[in-house]
Amino acid sequence: MSSSSSVRRKCKTICNKLSLLRPIQIVNRAFRSDRVLDALAKASEEKTANIVLYNYPSFSGAFSALFAHLFHHHLRLPCLILPFSSVVPLRVEDLCFDGLQKCYFLDFLGPRGFAAELSRRTSCKVIGFEHRKSALSTASSNDNTMFHVDIEKSSSTAVYEFFLNELSQVQSVDGEAISLIKDGDRSRIEAMLKYIEDVDLRRWTSPDTKSFRIGIGEYRNMLNCITNPHMFDQLLEMNCMDFVAKGNSHDNNRHDAARKLLNKVFKIRLGRGTYGECLATRADGNSELSDEMCKELSIRSAAAGLRPIGAVIYMKRNNNLKMCLRSTDSCADTSEVAKAYGGGGSRRSSSFIIRMDEYNHWTTIGYHPISMEESL
């Protein structure tokens, strides 16, 4: 062994030891924190009439909170806005103080019985907005609780329309109508709401929605208005096309990286030939790119006259192999293969664990590696 290799190995060992000394960063998800309780104590002292709780970490919840913030700001109504997390949720007693008149639940309805108990103990009116089907069974309104559950409309869109309507009934001192959002921001914000709704309701009506979801995903950690006092200003500046471009760039980079790994492609006999043949590759150490690699192989497999399925295989920790199957052709059903071997998934995406001895039956007969040029 060369001396340079020995030095590199020693350096790597030292670096690994040093990395263990670095402090572990833990994301603070304790939303019933001292800062939140202090804010509630201050609201109690000042007899704040309105409290807004919004679902965290949800963009629908955050934008709903923005609209509540703008509404109360325009009318100069005292209001406390707080993120609500199911990880460490607020308690009913935290919100019980004299003077509370309204409590908004935005993009969630709270734990079972939470709203009813809060309304009973404070006599405040609880107004909730939710779009998930799971809320239908718990959304029972009465004189003091009013729940808006619409599974055809995202919570943020419903809240936006609600506060627009509320504000339309109020006139400014000079008799002019008050705008919830400035004219220069309205179309951009409404475009953001359309993309958010497309994601929330899983409609995917726009071809850019998946890129939007990828591009905006990393900004979830900014949706806590307690730890991020600039949240509302940041939300007002968001542009959906920026996130689409960011998502497209991320997607392209992953596909480029996946293509570079497809230098050893071979044919496999799915189910020992029962389900036809397709192109495959091993991805040991690169399983995070298996989806992109599979889809690229699916296209190449179809071009080669094989089934339009791509297979990526990699070793699991228990020395078993995992096989991922993807298809870019709606006519191909990858799940029939996966289910036959104890796995599952959908027509276009599935996976299963396969023993090495069984896998060998899929590759040994007629097996030969295919160069990148041949598979293109």
Protein backbone atom coordinates (compact mmCIF):
# COMPACT_ATOMS: atom_id res chain seq x y z
CA MET A 1 0.00 0.00 0.00
CA SER A 2 1.38 3.43 -0.93
CA SER A 3 2.25 5.98 1.73
CA SER A 4 -0.16 8.51 0.15
CA SER A 5 -3.07 6.07 0.56
CA SER A 6 -2.12 5.56 4.20
CA VAL A 7 -2.05 9.32 4.81
CA ARG A 8 -5.45 9.79 3.17
CA ARG A 9 -6.91 7.01 5.30
CA LYS A 10 -5.56 8.57 8.51
CA CYS A 11 -6.91 12.01 7.53
CA LYS A 12 -10.35 10.53 6.87
CA THR A 13 -10.31 8.83 10.28
CA ILE A 14 -9.40 12.09 12.01
CA CYS A 15 -12.14 13.99 10.14
CA ASN A 16 -14.72 11.38 11.12
CA LYS A 17 -13.74 11.72 14.79
CA LEU A 18 -13.91 15.52 14.62
CA SER A 19 -17.36 15.39 13.05
CA LEU A 20 -18.63 13.58 16.13
CA LEU A 21 -17.64 16.59 18.24
CA ARG A 22 -19.82 19.01 16.30
CA PRO A 23 -23.03 20.01 18.06
CA ILE A 24 -26.12 18.34 16.67
CA GLN A 25 -28.61 20.85 15.36
CA ILE A 26 -32.11 19.97 16.50
CA VAL A 27 -35.05 21.71 14.86
CA ASN A 28 -37.17 23.30 17.58
CA ARG A 29 -40.66 21.96 17.07
CA ALA A 30 -41.82 22.71 20.62
CA PHE A 31 -44.45 25.29 19.65
CA ARG A 32 -45.73 25.51 23.21
CA SER A 33 -42.50 27.34 24.01
CA ASP A 34 -41.75 30.09 26.52
CA ARG A 35 -41.99 32.69 23.74
CA VAL A 36 -45.44 31.48 22.74
CA LEU A 37 -46.67 31.33 26.35
CA ASP A 38 -45.25 34.81 27.00
CA ALA A 39 -47.13 36.11 23.95
CA LEU A 40 -50.33 34.52 25.25
CA ALA A 41 -49.74 36.00 28.72
CA LYS A 42 -49.35 39.45 27.16
CA ALA A 43 -52.52 38.90 25.11
CA SER A 44 -54.33 38.00 28.34
CA GLU A 45 -53.14 41.16 30.06
CA GLU A 46 -54.19 43.30 27.10
CA LYS A 47 -57.45 41.38 26.68
CA THR A 48 -56.70 40.74 23.01
CA ALA A 49 -60.00 39.96 21.33
CA ASN A 50 -58.71 37.90 18.40
CA ILE A 51 -56.37 34.91 18.21
CA VAL A 52 -55.33 33.22 14.99
CA LEU A 53 -53.85 29.71 15.03
CA TYR A 54 -52.50 28.34 11.76
CA ASN A 55 -51.33 24.90 10.73
CA TYR A 56 -47.54 24.49 10.74
CA PRO A 57 -45.57 23.67 8.62
CA SER A 58 -48.15 24.23 5.90
CA PHE A 59 -47.99 26.83 3.14
CA SER A 60 -51.77 26.85 3.06
CA GLY A 61 -51.76 27.57 6.78
CA ALA A 62 -49.08 30.27 6.48
CA PHE A 63 -50.83 32.12 3.65
CA SER A 64 -54.11 31.87 5.58
CA ALA A 65 -52.33 33.50 8.52
CA LEU A 66 -51.07 36.23 6.17
CA PHE A 67 -54.63 37.07 5.09
CA ALA A 68 -55.79 37.14 8.73
CA HIS A 69 -52.84 39.42 9.56
CA LEU A 70 -53.68 41.83 6.71
CA PHE A 71 -57.38 41.89 7.61
CA HIS A 72 -56.78 42.78 11.25
CA HIS A 73 -54.00 45.21 10.33
CA HIS A 74 -56.22 47.17 7.90
CA LEU A 75 -58.99 47.45 10.50
CA ARG A 76 -56.53 48.09 13.34
CA LEU A 77 -57.96 45.22 15.35
CA PRO A 78 -55.73 43.64 18.04
CA CYS A 79 -54.76 40.13 17.01
CA LEU A 80 -52.27 37.49 18.11
CA ILE A 81 -51.15 35.00 15.43
CA LEU A 82 -49.47 31.73 16.43
CA PRO A 83 -48.35 28.55 14.64
CA PHE A 84 -50.10 25.37 15.78
CA SER A 85 -48.28 22.06 15.57
CA SER A 86 -49.64 18.63 16.44
CA VAL A 87 -46.16 17.66 17.68
CA VAL A 88 -46.37 19.81 20.82
CA PRO A 89 -49.79 21.46 20.57
CA LEU A 90 -51.16 24.31 22.60
CA ARG A 91 -53.64 23.40 25.32
CA VAL A 92 -57.14 24.75 25.77
CA GLU A 93 -56.16 26.39 29.07
CA ASP A 94 -53.39 28.32 27.29
CA LEU A 95 -56.05 30.24 25.37
CA CYS A 96 -58.54 30.81 28.17
CA PHE A 97 -58.51 34.45 29.21
CA ASP A 98 -60.97 37.29 29.60
CA GLY A 99 -61.66 39.36 26.54
CA LEU A 100 -61.17 36.67 23.91
CA GLN A 101 -63.95 37.01 21.35
CA LYS A 102 -62.78 35.11 18.26
CA CYS A 103 -60.30 32.31 17.64
CA TYR A 104 -59.49 31.27 14.09
CA PHE A 105 -58.23 27.79 13.21
CA LEU A 106 -56.63 28.07 9.78
CA ASP A 107 -55.94 24.94 7.70
CA PHE A 108 -56.85 22.66 10.63
CA LEU A 109 -59.70 22.16 13.09
CA GLY A 110 -57.65 21.20 16.12
CA PRO A 111 -57.61 17.99 18.17
CA ARG A 112 -60.96 16.32 18.74
CA GLY A 113 -63.05 18.40 21.14
CA PHE A 114 -60.49 21.23 21.29
CA ALA A 115 -62.66 23.91 19.62
CA ALA A 116 -65.81 22.96 21.53
CA GLU A 117 -64.00 23.04 24.87
CA LEU A 118 -62.36 26.39 24.09
CA SER A 119 -65.69 27.89 23.10
CA ARG A 120 -67.40 26.51 26.20
CA ARG A 121 -64.77 27.84 28.61
CA THR A 122 -64.33 31.29 27.06
CA SER A 123 -67.63 31.88 25.20
CA CYS A 124 -65.51 32.94 22.21
CA LYS A 125 -66.50 32.21 18.64
CA VAL A 126 -64.31 29.62 16.91
CA ILE A 127 -64.01 29.83 13.12
CA GLY A 128 -62.13 27.02 11.36
CA PHE A 129 -61.06 26.29 7.80
CA GLU A 130 -59.99 22.90 6.48
CA HIS A 131 -59.90 21.05 3.14
CA ARG A 132 -58.89 17.50 4.12
CA LYS A 133 -61.49 14.73 3.89
CA SER A 134 -60.48 13.45 7.33
CA ALA A 135 -62.00 16.61 8.86
CA LEU A 136 -65.50 15.89 7.59
CA SER A 137 -66.25 13.50 10.46
CA THR A 138 -65.25 16.00 13.15
CA ALA A 139 -66.55 19.25 11.63
CA SER A 140 -69.74 19.79 13.61
CA SER A 141 -70.71 23.45 13.96
CA ASN A 142 -72.94 25.08 16.59
CA ASP A 143 -73.78 28.59 17.76
CA ASN A 144 -70.18 29.33 18.79
CA THR A 145 -68.20 27.17 16.37
CA MET A 146 -68.30 27.65 12.61
CA PHE A 147 -66.29 25.22 10.50
CA HIS A 148 -65.71 25.69 6.78
CA VAL A 149 -64.71 22.32 5.30
CA ASP A 150 -64.49 22.27 1.52
CA ILE A 151 -62.61 19.35 -0.02
CA GLU A 152 -62.79 21.05 -3.44
CA LYS A 153 -60.98 24.18 -2.30
CA SER A 154 -57.68 24.67 -0.48
CA SER A 155 -57.91 26.22 2.99
CA SER A 156 -55.77 29.18 1.93
CA THR A 157 -58.14 29.97 -0.96
CA ALA A 158 -61.18 29.68 1.33
CA VAL A 159 -59.59 31.94 3.96
CA TYR A 160 -58.58 34.46 1.29
CA GLU A 161 -62.15 34.64 -0.01
CA PHE A 162 -63.52 34.83 3.54
CA PHE A 163 -61.46 37.86 4.54
CA LEU A 164 -62.01 39.51 1.16
CA ASN A 165 -65.75 39.26 1.78
CA GLU A 166 -65.43 40.48 5.37
CA LEU A 167 -63.38 43.48 4.26
CA SER A 168 -65.74 44.33 1.40
CA GLN A 169 -68.39 45.14 3.98
CA VAL A 170 -66.18 47.78 5.58
CA GLN A 171 -65.38 51.19 4.16
CA SER A 172 -62.46 53.43 4.97
CA VAL A 173 -62.84 56.87 6.53
CA ASP A 174 -62.97 58.50 3.07
CA GLY A 175 -65.63 56.06 1.90
CA GLU A 176 -63.34 54.01 -0.35
CA ALA A 177 -63.29 50.22 -0.26
CA ILE A 178 -60.34 48.69 1.59
CA SER A 179 -58.17 46.23 -0.36
CA LEU A 180 -56.88 43.18 1.45
CA ILE A 181 -53.85 43.03 -0.86
CA LYS A 182 -52.31 45.84 -2.89
CA ASP A 183 -53.18 45.85 -6.58
CA GLY A 184 -49.55 45.27 -7.55
CA ASP A 185 -49.37 42.10 -5.44
CA ARG A 186 -52.83 40.61 -6.02
CA SER A 187 -52.29 38.66 -9.25
CA ARG A 188 -48.98 37.23 -8.01
CA ILE A 189 -50.47 36.12 -4.69
CA GLU A 190 -53.52 34.60 -6.37
CA ALA A 191 -51.22 32.66 -8.73
CA MET A 192 -49.40 31.31 -5.64
CA LEU A 193 -52.75 30.20 -4.20
CA LYS A 194 -53.61 28.29 -7.38
CA TYR A 195 -50.37 26.31 -7.21
CA ILE A 196 -50.78 25.67 -3.47
CA GLU A 197 -54.32 24.44 -4.07
CA ASP A 198 -53.12 22.19 -6.90
CA VAL A 199 -50.65 20.61 -4.47
CA ASP A 200 -53.02 20.46 -1.49
CA LEU A 201 -55.80 18.77 -3.47
CA ARG A 202 -53.34 16.65 -5.48
CA ARG A 203 -54.91 17.70 -8.75
CA TRP A 204 -51.68 18.36 -10.66
CA THR A 205 -53.65 20.32 -13.28
CA SER A 206 -50.60 22.37 -14.21
CA PRO A 207 -47.56 20.62 -15.69
CA ASP A 208 -45.40 22.86 -13.47
CA THR A 209 -47.06 21.94 -10.17
CA LYS A 210 -44.59 19.21 -9.25
CA SER A 211 -41.67 21.54 -9.98
CA PHE A 212 -43.37 24.20 -7.84
CA ARG A 213 -43.72 21.75 -4.95
CA ILE A 214 -40.03 20.83 -5.17
CA GLY A 215 -38.91 24.44 -5.46
CA ILE A 216 -40.92 25.75 -2.52
CA GLY A 217 -40.30 22.76 -0.23
CA GLU A 218 -37.10 24.02 1.40
CA TYR A 219 -38.87 27.17 2.62
CA ARG A 220 -41.10 25.34 5.09
CA ASN A 221 -38.73 26.12 7.95
CA MET A 222 -39.51 29.85 7.57
CA LEU A 223 -43.23 29.40 8.25
CA ASN A 224 -43.04 30.00 12.01
CA CYS A 225 -44.01 33.64 12.63
CA ILE A 226 -42.66 33.47 16.19
CA THR A 227 -39.10 32.53 15.24
CA ASN A 228 -39.32 34.36 11.90
CA PRO A 229 -40.83 37.83 12.44
CA HIS A 230 -40.42 38.62 8.71
CA MET A 231 -42.64 35.75 7.57
CA PHE A 232 -45.56 37.86 6.34
CA ASP A 233 -43.32 40.18 4.30
CA GLN A 234 -41.58 37.16 2.78
CA LEU A 235 -44.88 35.53 1.83
CA LEU A 236 -46.03 38.73 0.12
CA GLU A 237 -42.89 38.75 -2.02
CA MET A 238 -43.16 35.14 -3.21
CA ASN A 239 -43.49 34.45 -6.92
CA CYS A 240 -44.69 31.03 -8.07
CA MET A 241 -42.56 31.13 -11.23
CA ASP A 242 -39.40 31.47 -9.13
CA PHE A 243 -40.27 28.19 -7.40
CA VAL A 244 -41.14 26.49 -10.69
CA ALA A 245 -37.74 27.49 -12.09
CA LYS A 246 -36.00 26.31 -8.92
CA GLY A 247 -37.84 22.98 -9.05
CA ASN A 248 -37.02 22.49 -12.73
CA SER A 249 -33.34 23.17 -12.04
CA HIS A 250 -33.32 20.70 -9.14
CA ASP A 251 -35.09 18.08 -11.27
CA ASN A 252 -32.71 18.56 -14.21
CA ASN A 253 -29.67 18.29 -11.94
CA ARG A 254 -30.95 14.99 -10.52
CA HIS A 255 -31.68 13.59 -13.98
CA ASP A 256 -28.21 14.60 -15.19
CA ALA A 257 -26.64 12.90 -12.17
CA ALA A 258 -28.75 9.78 -12.79
CA ARG A 259 -27.73 9.56 -16.45
CA LYS A 260 -24.06 9.68 -15.49
CA LEU A 261 -24.59 6.59 -13.32
CA LEU A 262 -26.10 4.53 -16.16
CA ASN A 263 -22.80 3.28 -17.50
CA LYS A 264 -23.49 -0.41 -16.74
CA VAL A 265 -26.92 -1.27 -18.10
CA PHE A 266 -28.11 -4.83 -18.68
CA LYS A 267 -31.27 -6.76 -19.53
CA ILE A 268 -33.21 -8.68 -16.90
CA ARG A 269 -35.98 -11.23 -17.24
CA LEU A 270 -38.79 -9.96 -15.01
CA GLY A 271 -40.11 -12.85 -12.94
CA ARG A 272 -37.70 -15.20 -14.78
CA GLY A 273 -39.29 -14.02 -18.02
CA THR A 274 -42.94 -14.29 -17.00
CA TYR A 275 -43.36 -10.52 -17.26
CA GLY A 276 -41.02 -9.93 -20.18
CA GLU A 277 -37.63 -8.21 -20.28
CA CYS A 278 -36.46 -4.70 -19.53
CA LEU A 279 -33.29 -2.73 -18.92
CA ALA A 280 -31.77 -2.56 -15.45
CA THR A 281 -28.76 -1.33 -13.52
CA ARG A 282 -27.25 -1.62 -10.06
CA ALA A 283 -27.33 1.50 -7.86
CA ASP A 284 -25.44 0.42 -4.76
CA GLY A 285 -24.54 3.61 -2.92
CA ASN A 286 -26.73 5.79 -5.15
CA SER A 287 -30.23 4.62 -4.23
CA GLU A 288 -31.41 8.22 -3.67
CA LEU A 289 -31.42 8.61 -7.47
CA SER A 290 -33.27 5.36 -8.16
CA ASP A 291 -36.46 7.09 -9.32
CA GLU A 292 -34.68 9.18 -11.95
CA MET A 293 -32.54 6.23 -13.05
CA CYS A 294 -35.58 3.98 -13.42
CA LYS A 295 -37.47 6.50 -15.54
CA GLU A 296 -34.50 7.01 -17.85
CA LEU A 297 -34.13 3.23 -18.20
CA SER A 298 -37.85 2.92 -18.95
CA ILE A 299 -37.45 5.23 -21.94
CA ARG A 300 -34.35 3.40 -23.17
CA SER A 301 -36.00 0.01 -22.62
CA ALA A 302 -38.95 0.97 -24.80
CA ALA A 303 -36.60 2.28 -27.48
CA ALA A 304 -34.76 -1.06 -27.42
CA GLY A 305 -37.96 -3.01 -28.09
CA LEU A 306 -38.29 -4.27 -24.51
CA ARG A 307 -41.03 -3.60 -22.00
CA PRO A 308 -41.19 0.14 -21.16
CA ILE A 309 -40.00 -0.50 -17.61
CA GLY A 310 -36.79 0.52 -15.90
CA ALA A 311 -35.35 -1.50 -13.00
CA VAL A 312 -32.84 -0.31 -10.42
CA ILE A 313 -31.38 -2.76 -7.93
CA TYR A 314 -29.35 -2.01 -4.82
CA MET A 315 -28.19 -3.82 -1.70
CA LYS A 316 -30.01 -3.26 1.58
CA ARG A 317 -28.33 -3.44 4.99
CA ASN A 318 -29.70 -6.94 5.61
CA ASN A 319 -27.87 -8.20 2.50
CA ASN A 320 -31.12 -8.47 0.58
CA LEU A 321 -31.65 -6.70 -2.70
CA LYS A 322 -34.30 -4.09 -3.30
CA MET A 323 -35.64 -3.73 -6.82
CA CYS A 324 -37.40 -0.53 -7.88
CA LEU A 325 -39.53 -0.53 -11.02
CA ARG A 326 -40.77 2.54 -12.87
CA SER A 327 -42.54 3.08 -16.17
CA THR A 328 -43.13 6.17 -18.26
CA ASP A 329 -45.82 4.31 -20.21
CA SER A 330 -49.31 4.23 -18.68
CA CYS A 331 -49.99 0.87 -20.36
CA ALA A 332 -47.27 -0.92 -18.39
CA ASP A 333 -48.14 -2.17 -14.91
CA THR A 334 -45.05 -2.49 -12.73
CA SER A 335 -47.07 -3.44 -9.66
CA GLU A 336 -47.98 -6.88 -11.05
CA VAL A 337 -44.33 -7.84 -10.80
CA ALA A 338 -43.83 -6.28 -7.38
CA LYS A 339 -46.96 -7.87 -5.89
CA ALA A 340 -45.96 -11.30 -7.17
CA TYR A 341 -42.83 -11.01 -5.02
CA GLY A 342 -44.38 -9.57 -1.87
CA GLY A 343 -43.99 -5.89 -2.71
CA GLY A 344 -46.41 -3.25 -3.84
CA GLY A 345 -46.96 0.15 -5.41
CA SER A 346 -48.84 1.63 -8.33
CA ARG A 347 -48.86 0.88 -12.05
CA ARG A 348 -46.00 3.25 -12.80
CA SER A 349 -44.03 2.91 -9.57
CA SER A 350 -43.42 -0.13 -7.39
CA SER A 351 -40.72 -1.97 -5.48
CA PHE A 352 -40.00 -5.18 -3.61
CA ILE A 353 -37.27 -7.13 -1.85
CA ILE A 354 -35.71 -9.98 -3.83
CA ARG A 355 -33.31 -12.67 -2.61
CA MET A 356 -29.95 -12.89 -4.31
CA ASP A 357 -30.52 -16.46 -5.49
CA GLU A 358 -33.83 -15.48 -7.11
CA TYR A 359 -32.28 -12.36 -8.63
CA ASN A 360 -29.61 -14.50 -10.24
CA HIS A 361 -32.32 -16.36 -12.17
CA TRP A 362 -33.41 -13.03 -13.63
CA THR A 363 -29.95 -12.15 -14.93
CA THR A 364 -27.91 -15.28 -15.71
CA ILE A 365 -29.83 -16.58 -18.74
CA GLY A 366 -29.17 -14.31 -21.66
CA TYR A 367 -27.35 -11.84 -19.44
CA HIS A 368 -24.95 -9.44 -21.05
CA PRO A 369 -23.98 -5.87 -20.13
CA ILE A 370 -25.11 -3.13 -22.50
CA SER A 371 -23.00 -0.06 -23.14
CA MET A 372 -24.48 3.41 -22.75
CA GLU A 373 -24.48 3.87 -26.54
CA GLU A 374 -26.41 0.64 -27.06
CA SER A 375 -29.08 1.59 -24.52
CA LEU A 376 -29.69 5.03 -25.95
